[in-house]
Amino acid sequence: MLRHFGATIGENTRVYTPLTLVNAGKDFTNLVLGNNVYLGHGAVLDLKERIVVEDDVTISMGATMATHFHVGEIPLKARFPSKYAPIRIRGNVYLGSNVVVLSGVEIGEGSVIGAGAVVIGDVPPGVVAVGVPARVLKKVE
């Protein structure tokens, strides 16, 4: 069904339900999942901007990827401007359960993001990042 509405889905990629796609309507062209991607139960993907997940990536249950931030038409808007930016997950990455990845983030190849982390900035390749906000804990060994 994702392909039918324009998503690019690689070979041996498994997408589990429920899956929530927001800001897409019937156009899923902003979703690109590479080969051998696992997208766990209960994931939420905001397709206002492009989400690219390269090959050999596991996205565990409950993960959220939010490509935009908008507080709405309220006075806070002056202090917190809207942000719209794509997300890229490089190859051979593991995202633990309930990870949140915010707009404009790139997670480097071979990195591991611990369960419950909130990723607000880029993560370099080959590291373990944990926490809220996510911080590099160590190199992957």
N, C-alpha and C. Protein backbone atom coordinates (compact mmCIF):
# COMPACT_ATOMS: atom_id res chain seq x y z
N MET A 1 0.81 -1.19 0.00
CA MET A 1 0.00 0.00 0.00
C MET A 1 0.86 1.26 0.00
N LEU A 2 1.97 1.26 0.74
CA LEU A 2 2.84 2.43 0.76
C LEU A 2 3.36 2.75 -0.64
N ARG A 3 3.77 1.71 -1.36
CA ARG A 3 4.26 1.91 -2.74
C ARG A 3 3.15 2.49 -3.63
N HIS A 4 1.94 2.01 -3.43
CA HIS A 4 0.80 2.46 -4.24
C HIS A 4 0.63 3.98 -4.16
N PHE A 5 0.95 4.57 -3.02
CA PHE A 5 0.82 6.01 -2.83
C PHE A 5 2.14 6.75 -3.00
N GLY A 6 3.16 6.08 -3.56
CA GLY A 6 4.37 6.79 -3.96
C GLY A 6 5.60 6.59 -3.11
N ALA A 7 5.51 5.85 -2.01
CA ALA A 7 6.71 5.61 -1.19
C ALA A 7 7.68 4.70 -1.94
N THR A 8 8.96 4.88 -1.66
CA THR A 8 9.99 4.00 -2.19
C THR A 8 10.36 3.02 -1.08
N ILE A 9 10.16 1.73 -1.35
CA ILE A 9 10.40 0.68 -0.35
C ILE A 9 11.35 -0.35 -0.96
N GLY A 10 12.48 -0.59 -0.29
CA GLY A 10 13.48 -1.53 -0.79
C GLY A 10 13.09 -2.98 -0.56
N GLU A 11 13.98 -3.86 -1.01
CA GLU A 11 13.75 -5.30 -0.87
C GLU A 11 13.97 -5.74 0.57
N ASN A 12 13.22 -6.78 0.96
CA ASN A 12 13.33 -7.38 2.28
C ASN A 12 13.07 -6.36 3.40
N THR A 13 12.25 -5.36 3.12
CA THR A 13 11.89 -4.36 4.12
C THR A 13 10.55 -4.74 4.73
N ARG A 14 10.49 -4.68 6.06
CA ARG A 14 9.28 -5.07 6.78
C ARG A 14 8.73 -3.87 7.53
N VAL A 15 7.47 -3.58 7.29
CA VAL A 15 6.78 -2.47 7.95
C VAL A 15 5.61 -3.06 8.72
N TYR A 16 5.61 -2.85 10.03
CA TYR A 16 4.59 -3.43 10.88
C TYR A 16 3.54 -2.39 11.27
N THR A 17 2.33 -2.87 11.50
CA THR A 17 1.23 -1.99 11.88
C THR A 17 0.97 -2.13 13.37
N PRO A 18 0.35 -1.14 13.97
CA PRO A 18 -0.11 0.07 13.31
C PRO A 18 1.05 1.00 12.95
N LEU A 19 0.91 1.66 11.84
CA LEU A 19 1.85 2.69 11.37
C LEU A 19 1.03 3.95 11.16
N THR A 20 1.49 5.06 11.74
CA THR A 20 0.79 6.33 11.57
C THR A 20 1.63 7.23 10.68
N LEU A 21 1.04 7.66 9.56
CA LEU A 21 1.68 8.62 8.66
C LEU A 21 0.91 9.92 8.75
N VAL A 22 1.60 11.00 9.09
CA VAL A 22 0.93 12.30 9.22
C VAL A 22 1.48 13.27 8.19
N ASN A 23 0.65 14.24 7.83
CA ASN A 23 1.00 15.28 6.86
C ASN A 23 1.37 14.72 5.49
N ALA A 24 0.69 13.66 5.10
CA ALA A 24 0.99 13.04 3.81
C ALA A 24 -0.21 13.06 2.87
N GLY A 25 -1.42 13.10 3.39
CA GLY A 25 -2.58 12.93 2.53
C GLY A 25 -2.49 11.57 1.86
N LYS A 26 -2.57 11.57 0.54
CA LYS A 26 -2.41 10.32 -0.21
C LYS A 26 -1.13 10.34 -1.02
N ASP A 27 -0.15 11.13 -0.58
CA ASP A 27 1.13 11.25 -1.29
C ASP A 27 2.25 10.88 -0.33
N PHE A 28 2.78 9.67 -0.51
CA PHE A 28 3.83 9.17 0.38
C PHE A 28 5.21 9.28 -0.26
N THR A 29 5.37 10.14 -1.27
CA THR A 29 6.65 10.23 -1.97
C THR A 29 7.78 10.73 -1.08
N ASN A 30 7.49 11.33 0.05
CA ASN A 30 8.54 11.77 0.97
C ASN A 30 9.09 10.65 1.84
N LEU A 31 8.61 9.43 1.64
CA LEU A 31 9.09 8.29 2.41
C LEU A 31 9.96 7.38 1.55
N VAL A 32 11.21 7.21 1.97
CA VAL A 32 12.15 6.33 1.27
C VAL A 32 12.74 5.36 2.30
N LEU A 33 12.44 4.08 2.15
CA LEU A 33 12.99 3.04 3.01
C LEU A 33 13.87 2.14 2.15
N GLY A 34 15.12 1.98 2.55
CA GLY A 34 16.07 1.17 1.78
C GLY A 34 15.81 -0.32 1.91
N ASN A 35 16.81 -1.10 1.54
CA ASN A 35 16.74 -2.56 1.63
C ASN A 35 16.97 -3.01 3.07
N ASN A 36 16.26 -4.08 3.45
CA ASN A 36 16.46 -4.72 4.75
C ASN A 36 16.22 -3.74 5.91
N VAL A 37 15.15 -2.98 5.81
CA VAL A 37 14.74 -2.07 6.89
C VAL A 37 13.63 -2.73 7.68
N TYR A 38 13.69 -2.61 8.99
CA TYR A 38 12.64 -3.08 9.89
C TYR A 38 12.02 -1.86 10.54
N LEU A 39 10.73 -1.66 10.33
CA LEU A 39 9.99 -0.54 10.93
C LEU A 39 8.96 -1.14 11.87
N GLY A 40 9.18 -0.99 13.17
CA GLY A 40 8.40 -1.67 14.18
C GLY A 40 6.99 -1.14 14.39
N HIS A 41 6.24 -1.90 15.17
CA HIS A 41 4.85 -1.57 15.52
C HIS A 41 4.75 -0.18 16.15
N GLY A 42 3.73 0.55 15.77
CA GLY A 42 3.42 1.81 16.43
C GLY A 42 4.29 2.99 16.05
N ALA A 43 5.01 2.89 14.96
CA ALA A 43 5.84 4.01 14.51
C ALA A 43 4.96 5.15 14.01
N VAL A 44 5.47 6.38 14.17
CA VAL A 44 4.79 7.58 13.67
C VAL A 44 5.77 8.32 12.77
N LEU A 45 5.40 8.52 11.51
CA LEU A 45 6.25 9.21 10.55
C LEU A 45 5.54 10.45 10.03
N ASP A 46 6.17 11.60 10.20
CA ASP A 46 5.65 12.88 9.73
C ASP A 46 6.26 13.14 8.36
N LEU A 47 5.45 13.08 7.32
CA LEU A 47 5.95 13.19 5.95
C LEU A 47 5.80 14.59 5.36
N LYS A 48 5.77 15.61 6.21
CA LYS A 48 5.74 16.99 5.72
C LYS A 48 6.99 17.26 4.88
N GLU A 49 8.12 16.68 5.30
CA GLU A 49 9.38 16.72 4.55
C GLU A 49 9.85 15.28 4.36
N ARG A 50 10.93 15.11 3.64
CA ARG A 50 11.42 13.79 3.27
C ARG A 50 12.04 13.05 4.46
N ILE A 51 11.74 11.77 4.56
CA ILE A 51 12.40 10.85 5.49
C ILE A 51 13.08 9.79 4.65
N VAL A 52 14.41 9.71 4.77
CA VAL A 52 15.19 8.71 4.04
C VAL A 52 15.85 7.79 5.05
N VAL A 53 15.55 6.50 4.93
CA VAL A 53 16.16 5.48 5.78
C VAL A 53 16.95 4.57 4.85
N GLU A 54 18.27 4.55 5.03
CA GLU A 54 19.12 3.75 4.16
C GLU A 54 19.04 2.27 4.52
N ASP A 55 19.87 1.45 3.89
CA ASP A 55 19.83 -0.01 4.04
C ASP A 55 20.24 -0.48 5.45
N ASP A 56 19.68 -1.64 5.82
CA ASP A 56 20.07 -2.36 7.03
C ASP A 56 19.84 -1.55 8.31
N VAL A 57 18.65 -1.01 8.44
CA VAL A 57 18.29 -0.18 9.60
C VAL A 57 17.13 -0.84 10.34
N THR A 58 17.22 -0.82 11.68
CA THR A 58 16.12 -1.25 12.53
C THR A 58 15.57 -0.04 13.25
N ILE A 59 14.28 0.19 13.09
CA ILE A 59 13.56 1.24 13.80
C ILE A 59 12.55 0.52 14.69
N SER A 60 12.82 0.50 15.98
CA SER A 60 12.02 -0.29 16.91
C SER A 60 10.64 0.32 17.15
N MET A 61 9.82 -0.46 17.85
CA MET A 61 8.43 -0.07 18.08
C MET A 61 8.31 1.28 18.77
N GLY A 62 7.30 2.02 18.35
CA GLY A 62 6.98 3.29 18.99
C GLY A 62 7.84 4.47 18.58
N ALA A 63 8.73 4.28 17.62
CA ALA A 63 9.60 5.38 17.19
C ALA A 63 8.79 6.46 16.48
N THR A 64 9.24 7.71 16.62
CA THR A 64 8.61 8.86 15.97
C THR A 64 9.65 9.65 15.21
N MET A 65 9.34 10.03 13.97
CA MET A 65 10.19 10.92 13.19
C MET A 65 9.34 12.11 12.78
N ALA A 66 9.71 13.29 13.29
CA ALA A 66 8.93 14.51 13.06
C ALA A 66 9.74 15.47 12.20
N THR A 67 9.32 15.65 10.95
CA THR A 67 10.07 16.50 10.02
C THR A 67 9.71 17.97 10.11
N HIS A 68 8.78 18.30 10.98
CA HIS A 68 8.46 19.72 11.14
C HIS A 68 8.08 20.04 12.58
N PHE A 69 8.22 21.31 12.90
CA PHE A 69 7.85 21.84 14.21
C PHE A 69 7.04 23.11 13.97
N HIS A 70 5.86 23.17 14.54
CA HIS A 70 4.99 24.34 14.35
C HIS A 70 4.08 24.45 15.57
N VAL A 71 4.20 25.54 16.33
CA VAL A 71 3.40 25.69 17.55
C VAL A 71 1.97 26.12 17.26
N GLY A 72 1.69 26.47 16.02
CA GLY A 72 0.35 26.92 15.66
C GLY A 72 0.28 28.43 15.60
N GLU A 73 -0.90 28.92 15.38
CA GLU A 73 -1.12 30.37 15.24
C GLU A 73 -1.43 30.97 16.61
N ILE A 74 -0.44 30.98 17.47
CA ILE A 74 -0.58 31.52 18.82
C ILE A 74 0.59 32.47 19.08
N PRO A 75 0.52 33.30 20.12
CA PRO A 75 1.59 34.26 20.39
C PRO A 75 2.99 33.63 20.52
N LEU A 76 3.08 32.40 20.97
CA LEU A 76 4.38 31.74 21.09
C LEU A 76 5.10 31.60 19.75
N LYS A 77 4.36 31.71 18.66
CA LYS A 77 4.94 31.56 17.33
C LYS A 77 6.10 32.53 17.11
N ALA A 78 6.02 33.74 17.68
CA ALA A 78 7.09 34.73 17.52
C ALA A 78 8.39 34.27 18.17
N ARG A 79 8.28 33.52 19.26
CA ARG A 79 9.47 33.05 19.98
C ARG A 79 9.96 31.70 19.49
N PHE A 80 9.08 30.92 18.90
CA PHE A 80 9.42 29.58 18.45
C PHE A 80 9.01 29.42 16.99
N PRO A 81 9.86 29.89 16.07
CA PRO A 81 9.50 29.83 14.65
C PRO A 81 9.38 28.38 14.15
N SER A 82 8.56 28.22 13.15
CA SER A 82 8.38 26.91 12.53
C SER A 82 9.67 26.43 11.91
N LYS A 83 9.83 25.11 11.89
CA LYS A 83 11.00 24.50 11.25
C LYS A 83 10.52 23.30 10.44
N TYR A 84 10.95 23.26 9.19
CA TYR A 84 10.63 22.15 8.29
C TYR A 84 11.95 21.66 7.71
N ALA A 85 12.29 20.40 7.91
CA ALA A 85 13.55 19.88 7.39
C ALA A 85 13.49 18.36 7.32
N PRO A 86 14.18 17.77 6.34
CA PRO A 86 14.17 16.31 6.18
C PRO A 86 14.95 15.60 7.28
N ILE A 87 14.74 14.31 7.36
CA ILE A 87 15.46 13.42 8.28
C ILE A 87 16.15 12.36 7.43
N ARG A 88 17.40 12.04 7.79
CA ARG A 88 18.13 10.97 7.10
C ARG A 88 18.73 10.03 8.15
N ILE A 89 18.45 8.74 7.98
CA ILE A 89 19.03 7.70 8.81
C ILE A 89 19.98 6.91 7.91
N ARG A 90 21.27 7.02 8.16
CA ARG A 90 22.27 6.32 7.34
C ARG A 90 22.20 4.82 7.59
N GLY A 91 22.94 4.05 6.81
CA GLY A 91 22.88 2.60 6.86
C GLY A 91 23.40 1.99 8.15
N ASN A 92 22.91 0.78 8.44
CA ASN A 92 23.38 -0.03 9.56
C ASN A 92 23.18 0.68 10.91
N VAL A 93 22.01 1.27 11.09
CA VAL A 93 21.67 2.01 12.32
C VAL A 93 20.59 1.24 13.07
N TYR A 94 20.63 1.35 14.40
CA TYR A 94 19.59 0.78 15.25
C TYR A 94 18.98 1.90 16.08
N LEU A 95 17.65 2.04 15.99
CA LEU A 95 16.91 2.97 16.84
C LEU A 95 16.10 2.15 17.84
N GLY A 96 16.33 2.36 19.13
CA GLY A 96 15.60 1.63 20.16
C GLY A 96 14.14 2.04 20.25
N SER A 97 13.41 1.35 21.09
CA SER A 97 11.98 1.62 21.27
C SER A 97 11.73 3.05 21.70
N ASN A 98 10.70 3.64 21.13
CA ASN A 98 10.21 4.97 21.50
C ASN A 98 11.22 6.09 21.31
N VAL A 99 12.15 5.92 20.39
CA VAL A 99 13.07 7.00 20.04
C VAL A 99 12.29 8.07 19.27
N VAL A 100 12.63 9.34 19.51
CA VAL A 100 12.06 10.46 18.77
C VAL A 100 13.19 11.15 18.01
N VAL A 101 13.02 11.29 16.70
CA VAL A 101 14.00 11.98 15.85
C VAL A 101 13.32 13.23 15.31
N LEU A 102 13.91 14.40 15.58
CA LEU A 102 13.29 15.66 15.19
C LEU A 102 13.83 16.17 13.86
N SER A 103 13.17 17.18 13.32
CA SER A 103 13.44 17.69 11.97
C SER A 103 14.89 18.11 11.78
N GLY A 104 15.40 17.81 10.59
CA GLY A 104 16.74 18.22 10.20
C GLY A 104 17.85 17.31 10.68
N VAL A 105 17.53 16.22 11.35
CA VAL A 105 18.54 15.34 11.94
C VAL A 105 19.06 14.35 10.91
N GLU A 106 20.37 14.08 10.99
CA GLU A 106 20.99 12.96 10.27
C GLU A 106 21.68 12.08 11.30
N ILE A 107 21.37 10.79 11.26
CA ILE A 107 22.02 9.82 12.14
C ILE A 107 23.05 9.07 11.31
N GLY A 108 24.31 9.13 11.75
CA GLY A 108 25.43 8.58 11.00
C GLY A 108 25.44 7.07 10.94
N GLU A 109 26.10 6.56 9.92
CA GLU A 109 26.18 5.12 9.66
C GLU A 109 26.72 4.36 10.86
N GLY A 110 26.06 3.23 11.15
CA GLY A 110 26.53 2.33 12.19
C GLY A 110 26.26 2.79 13.61
N SER A 111 25.43 3.78 13.79
CA SER A 111 25.16 4.28 15.15
C SER A 111 23.99 3.54 15.79
N VAL A 112 23.95 3.61 17.11
CA VAL A 112 22.90 3.01 17.92
C VAL A 112 22.29 4.11 18.78
N ILE A 113 20.96 4.23 18.74
CA ILE A 113 20.26 5.22 19.54
C ILE A 113 19.44 4.47 20.59
N GLY A 114 19.72 4.74 21.87
CA GLY A 114 19.09 4.02 22.96
C GLY A 114 17.61 4.32 23.09
N ALA A 115 16.89 3.36 23.66
CA ALA A 115 15.44 3.47 23.84
C ALA A 115 15.07 4.76 24.56
N GLY A 116 14.04 5.43 24.05
CA GLY A 116 13.51 6.62 24.68
C GLY A 116 14.28 7.90 24.42
N ALA A 117 15.35 7.83 23.64
CA ALA A 117 16.15 9.02 23.35
C ALA A 117 15.36 10.00 22.49
N VAL A 118 15.66 11.29 22.65
CA VAL A 118 15.10 12.34 21.80
C VAL A 118 16.27 12.97 21.06
N VAL A 119 16.33 12.74 19.76
CA VAL A 119 17.46 13.17 18.94
C VAL A 119 17.12 14.53 18.33
N ILE A 120 17.81 15.59 18.80
CA ILE A 120 17.53 16.95 18.35
C ILE A 120 18.60 17.50 17.42
N GLY A 121 19.71 16.77 17.28
CA GLY A 121 20.79 17.20 16.40
C GLY A 121 21.46 16.00 15.77
N ASP A 122 22.33 16.25 14.81
CA ASP A 122 23.00 15.16 14.10
C ASP A 122 23.78 14.26 15.05
N VAL A 123 23.82 12.97 14.71
CA VAL A 123 24.59 11.98 15.45
C VAL A 123 25.70 11.49 14.52
N PRO A 124 26.96 11.53 14.97
CA PRO A 124 28.05 11.08 14.10
C PRO A 124 28.00 9.57 13.85
N PRO A 125 28.73 9.10 12.85
CA PRO A 125 28.77 7.66 12.57
C PRO A 125 29.42 6.87 13.71
N GLY A 126 28.94 5.64 13.89
CA GLY A 126 29.61 4.69 14.76
C GLY A 126 29.61 4.99 16.24
N VAL A 127 28.52 5.59 16.74
CA VAL A 127 28.46 5.90 18.17
C VAL A 127 27.16 5.38 18.77
N VAL A 128 27.15 5.32 20.11
CA VAL A 128 25.94 5.04 20.87
C VAL A 128 25.50 6.37 21.47
N ALA A 129 24.24 6.76 21.22
CA ALA A 129 23.69 7.99 21.78
C ALA A 129 22.45 7.65 22.60
N VAL A 130 22.32 8.27 23.76
CA VAL A 130 21.21 7.99 24.67
C VAL A 130 20.74 9.27 25.33
N GLY A 131 19.53 9.24 25.87
CA GLY A 131 19.06 10.32 26.72
C GLY A 131 18.16 11.34 26.07
N VAL A 132 17.76 12.32 26.90
CA VAL A 132 16.88 13.40 26.48
C VAL A 132 17.52 14.71 26.91
N PRO A 133 18.05 15.49 26.00
CA PRO A 133 18.25 15.14 24.59
C PRO A 133 19.36 14.11 24.43
N ALA A 134 19.37 13.43 23.29
CA ALA A 134 20.36 12.39 23.04
C ALA A 134 21.77 12.97 23.04
N ARG A 135 22.67 12.28 23.72
CA ARG A 135 24.08 12.64 23.78
C ARG A 135 24.90 11.40 23.47
N VAL A 136 26.07 11.60 22.85
CA VAL A 136 26.95 10.47 22.55
C VAL A 136 27.50 9.92 23.85
N LEU A 137 27.34 8.63 24.06
CA LEU A 137 27.82 7.94 25.24
C LEU A 137 29.20 7.33 25.00
N LYS A 138 29.34 6.68 23.83
CA LYS A 138 30.60 6.01 23.51
C LYS A 138 30.60 5.62 22.04
N LYS A 139 31.74 5.13 21.58
CA LYS A 139 31.82 4.58 20.23
C LYS A 139 31.27 3.15 20.24
N VAL A 140 30.71 2.74 19.11
CA VAL A 140 30.26 1.36 18.96
C VAL A 140 31.49 0.47 18.91
N GLU A 141 31.48 -0.59 19.69
CA GLU A 141 32.65 -1.49 19.72
C GLU A 141 32.36 -2.76 18.98
